[in-house]
Amino acid sequence: MSSAAPTRDEALRAIVSATTTAVTDDPAKGHVVFRVNGTGGEGVRTHVRINGHSLLVDEPPALGGEDAAPNPVETALAGLLSCQVVTYRFWAAELGIPLDDITIDVEGDLDVRGFFGADDSVRPGFGEVRVVVTLSGPAGEERYRELAATVDAHCPVLDLFRNPTPVTTTLRVA
């Protein structure tokens, strides 16, 4: 007799439960270090390595690249989008809110005068980022609004965009 494979939501609830128990019992287990490294390539390309995965980053011709891959700010927006998807899936499962599908659109406004040093009063990063989340499923709008509020409170990459994070840069000259 074989048992049926767990559903996606059951598997996610099991992960949330096991992880919550582990980090509650030993808070040190909750501290994780993520690492990414990369090297400059041809032109302004960057070859990024992330936990055994490879990612190419480039710029459009207007910024010195060949548009061979997403640019750095697009990859930042993609990080936000994908973290939102993961966080929606986890919290929908945890809260017992059925979620059939999720589509997210993210866009950010960036004034390149900051990057090019043309105006020191203009920040080089995004001035504003907008996220549009479309959820579908059998739950009512009130439950999905509850889910959205929970996701906003717990999404790690959204937190990076909304709150200052200390960054330390070390320069090594070879």
Protein backbone atom coordinates (compact mmCIF):
# COMPACT_ATOMS: atom_id res chain seq x y z
CA MET A 1 0.00 0.00 0.00
CA SER A 2 1.47 3.33 -1.03
CA SER A 3 0.54 6.66 0.41
CA ALA A 4 -0.25 9.61 -1.81
CA ALA A 5 2.43 12.23 -2.24
CA PRO A 6 1.80 15.33 -0.15
CA THR A 7 0.25 18.31 -1.89
CA ARG A 8 2.33 21.44 -2.39
CA ASP A 9 0.57 23.12 0.53
CA GLU A 10 1.08 20.11 2.81
CA ALA A 11 4.77 20.01 1.93
CA LEU A 12 5.13 23.75 2.57
CA ARG A 13 3.30 23.50 5.92
CA ALA A 14 5.64 20.68 6.94
CA ILE A 15 8.67 22.82 6.05
CA VAL A 16 7.30 25.82 7.96
CA SER A 17 6.48 23.66 10.98
CA ALA A 18 9.84 21.90 11.08
CA THR A 19 11.80 25.11 10.57
CA THR A 20 9.78 27.06 13.14
CA THR A 21 10.33 24.30 15.70
CA ALA A 22 14.06 24.12 14.94
CA VAL A 23 14.67 27.88 15.23
CA THR A 24 12.48 28.20 18.31
CA ASP A 25 14.40 25.41 20.05
CA ASP A 26 17.77 26.82 18.94
CA PRO A 27 17.64 30.45 17.71
CA ALA A 28 21.19 30.15 16.31
CA LYS A 29 19.77 27.83 13.64
CA GLY A 30 17.76 30.79 12.35
CA HIS A 31 20.87 32.68 11.24
CA VAL A 32 21.76 31.89 7.65
CA VAL A 33 24.48 33.42 5.47
CA PHE A 34 23.76 33.66 1.75
CA ARG A 35 26.70 34.07 -0.61
CA VAL A 36 27.02 35.20 -4.20
CA ASN A 37 30.21 35.81 -6.14
CA GLY A 38 31.01 36.99 -9.60
CA THR A 39 33.56 38.27 -12.04
CA GLY A 40 33.54 40.94 -14.69
CA GLY A 41 33.20 39.69 -18.23
CA GLU A 42 33.39 41.22 -21.67
CA GLY A 43 32.26 44.85 -21.68
CA VAL A 44 30.04 45.41 -18.65
CA ARG A 45 28.87 41.80 -18.30
CA THR A 46 29.04 40.07 -14.96
CA HIS A 47 29.23 36.30 -14.53
CA VAL A 48 27.49 35.55 -11.24
CA ARG A 49 27.68 32.29 -9.31
CA ILE A 50 25.01 31.50 -6.76
CA ASN A 51 25.13 28.20 -4.89
CA GLY A 52 26.17 26.19 -7.94
CA HIS A 53 24.01 28.19 -10.36
CA SER A 54 25.25 30.62 -12.99
CA LEU A 55 23.67 33.90 -13.95
CA LEU A 56 24.76 36.38 -16.60
CA VAL A 57 24.08 40.07 -16.03
CA ASP A 58 24.57 42.73 -18.72
CA GLU A 59 23.40 46.21 -19.62
CA PRO A 60 21.62 47.56 -22.69
CA PRO A 61 23.76 49.34 -25.32
CA ALA A 62 22.82 52.76 -23.88
CA LEU A 63 24.70 51.75 -20.72
CA GLY A 64 27.67 50.09 -22.41
CA GLY A 65 26.38 46.55 -22.74
CA GLU A 66 25.01 44.31 -25.46
CA ASP A 67 21.69 43.48 -23.77
CA ALA A 68 22.79 39.83 -23.57
CA ALA A 69 21.06 39.35 -20.22
CA PRO A 70 18.99 41.24 -17.63
CA ASN A 71 20.70 44.24 -16.09
CA PRO A 72 21.49 44.58 -12.37
CA VAL A 73 18.38 46.56 -11.47
CA GLU A 74 16.17 44.13 -13.40
CA THR A 75 17.70 41.24 -11.47
CA ALA A 76 16.97 43.14 -8.25
CA LEU A 77 13.32 43.49 -9.31
CA ALA A 78 13.28 39.79 -10.28
CA GLY A 79 14.59 38.95 -6.80
CA LEU A 80 11.72 40.90 -5.28
CA LEU A 81 9.17 39.28 -7.57
CA SER A 82 10.38 35.73 -6.97
CA CYS A 83 10.62 36.24 -3.20
CA GLN A 84 7.04 37.50 -3.24
CA VAL A 85 5.90 34.35 -5.06
CA VAL A 86 7.68 32.11 -2.54
CA THR A 87 6.36 34.11 0.43
CA TYR A 88 2.79 34.05 -0.93
CA ARG A 89 2.98 30.28 -1.44
CA PHE A 90 4.41 29.64 2.05
CA TRP A 91 1.98 31.88 3.89
CA ALA A 92 -1.07 30.78 1.88
CA ALA A 93 -0.27 27.20 2.90
CA GLU A 94 0.41 28.16 6.52
CA LEU A 95 -2.80 30.21 6.84
CA GLY A 96 -4.88 27.61 5.00
CA ILE A 97 -5.81 30.05 2.25
CA PRO A 98 -6.30 28.23 -1.06
CA LEU A 99 -4.24 29.85 -3.80
CA ASP A 100 -4.61 28.53 -7.33
CA ASP A 101 -2.39 30.99 -9.16
CA ILE A 102 -0.25 34.04 -8.57
CA THR A 103 1.01 36.58 -11.09
CA ILE A 104 3.22 39.49 -10.10
CA ASP A 105 4.34 42.52 -12.07
CA VAL A 106 7.09 44.73 -10.65
CA GLU A 107 8.38 47.98 -12.07
CA GLY A 108 10.78 50.55 -10.75
CA ASP A 109 11.56 54.15 -11.64
CA LEU A 110 15.24 54.97 -11.88
CA ASP A 111 16.74 58.31 -12.89
CA VAL A 112 20.09 57.51 -14.54
CA ARG A 113 21.40 61.00 -13.72
CA GLY A 114 22.29 59.60 -10.29
CA PHE A 115 24.27 56.69 -11.77
CA PHE A 116 26.12 58.93 -14.22
CA GLY A 117 26.86 61.58 -11.59
CA ALA A 118 25.03 64.22 -13.63
CA ASP A 119 23.06 65.43 -10.61
CA ASP A 120 24.24 64.69 -7.07
CA SER A 121 20.74 65.37 -5.71
CA VAL A 122 19.38 62.34 -7.61
CA ARG A 123 19.88 58.97 -5.94
CA PRO A 124 21.43 56.29 -8.16
CA GLY A 125 18.86 53.67 -7.16
CA PHE A 126 15.13 53.35 -7.61
CA GLY A 127 13.03 56.36 -6.69
CA GLU A 128 9.94 54.17 -6.48
CA VAL A 129 9.05 50.52 -6.98
CA ARG A 130 5.53 49.29 -7.68
CA VAL A 131 4.35 45.71 -7.19
CA VAL A 132 1.04 44.45 -8.60
CA VAL A 133 -0.02 41.05 -7.28
CA THR A 134 -2.86 39.12 -8.90
CA LEU A 135 -4.15 36.14 -6.93
CA SER A 136 -6.74 33.62 -8.01
CA GLY A 137 -8.48 30.96 -6.02
CA PRO A 138 -11.72 30.14 -4.22
CA ALA A 139 -11.11 32.24 -1.08
CA GLY A 140 -12.80 35.59 -0.66
CA GLU A 141 -11.12 38.94 -1.13
CA GLU A 142 -10.84 39.46 2.65
CA ARG A 143 -8.72 36.31 3.04
CA TYR A 144 -6.44 37.35 0.18
CA ARG A 145 -6.02 40.80 1.76
CA GLU A 146 -5.06 39.04 5.01
CA LEU A 147 -2.54 37.00 3.04
CA ALA A 148 -1.12 40.11 1.34
CA ALA A 149 -0.63 41.86 4.69
CA THR A 150 1.15 38.80 6.06
CA VAL A 151 3.39 38.56 3.00
CA ASP A 152 4.25 42.27 3.25
CA ALA A 153 5.29 41.69 6.87
CA HIS A 154 7.45 38.61 6.14
CA CYS A 155 8.96 38.87 2.64
CA PRO A 156 12.76 39.14 3.06
CA VAL A 157 13.48 40.88 -0.24
CA LEU A 158 10.59 43.32 0.22
CA ASP A 159 12.19 44.14 3.56
CA LEU A 160 15.48 44.87 1.74
CA PHE A 161 13.70 47.34 -0.52
CA ARG A 162 11.71 49.01 2.26
CA ASN A 163 14.28 49.28 5.03
CA PRO A 164 17.92 50.34 5.14
CA THR A 165 20.29 47.40 5.44
CA PRO A 166 23.86 47.96 6.63
CA VAL A 167 26.32 47.16 3.86
CA THR A 168 30.05 46.88 4.48
CA THR A 169 32.38 47.06 1.49
CA THR A 170 35.96 45.82 1.68
CA LEU A 171 38.34 46.73 -1.12
CA ARG A 172 41.12 44.30 -2.04
CA VAL A 173 43.68 45.37 -4.61
CA ALA A 174 45.36 42.40 -6.33
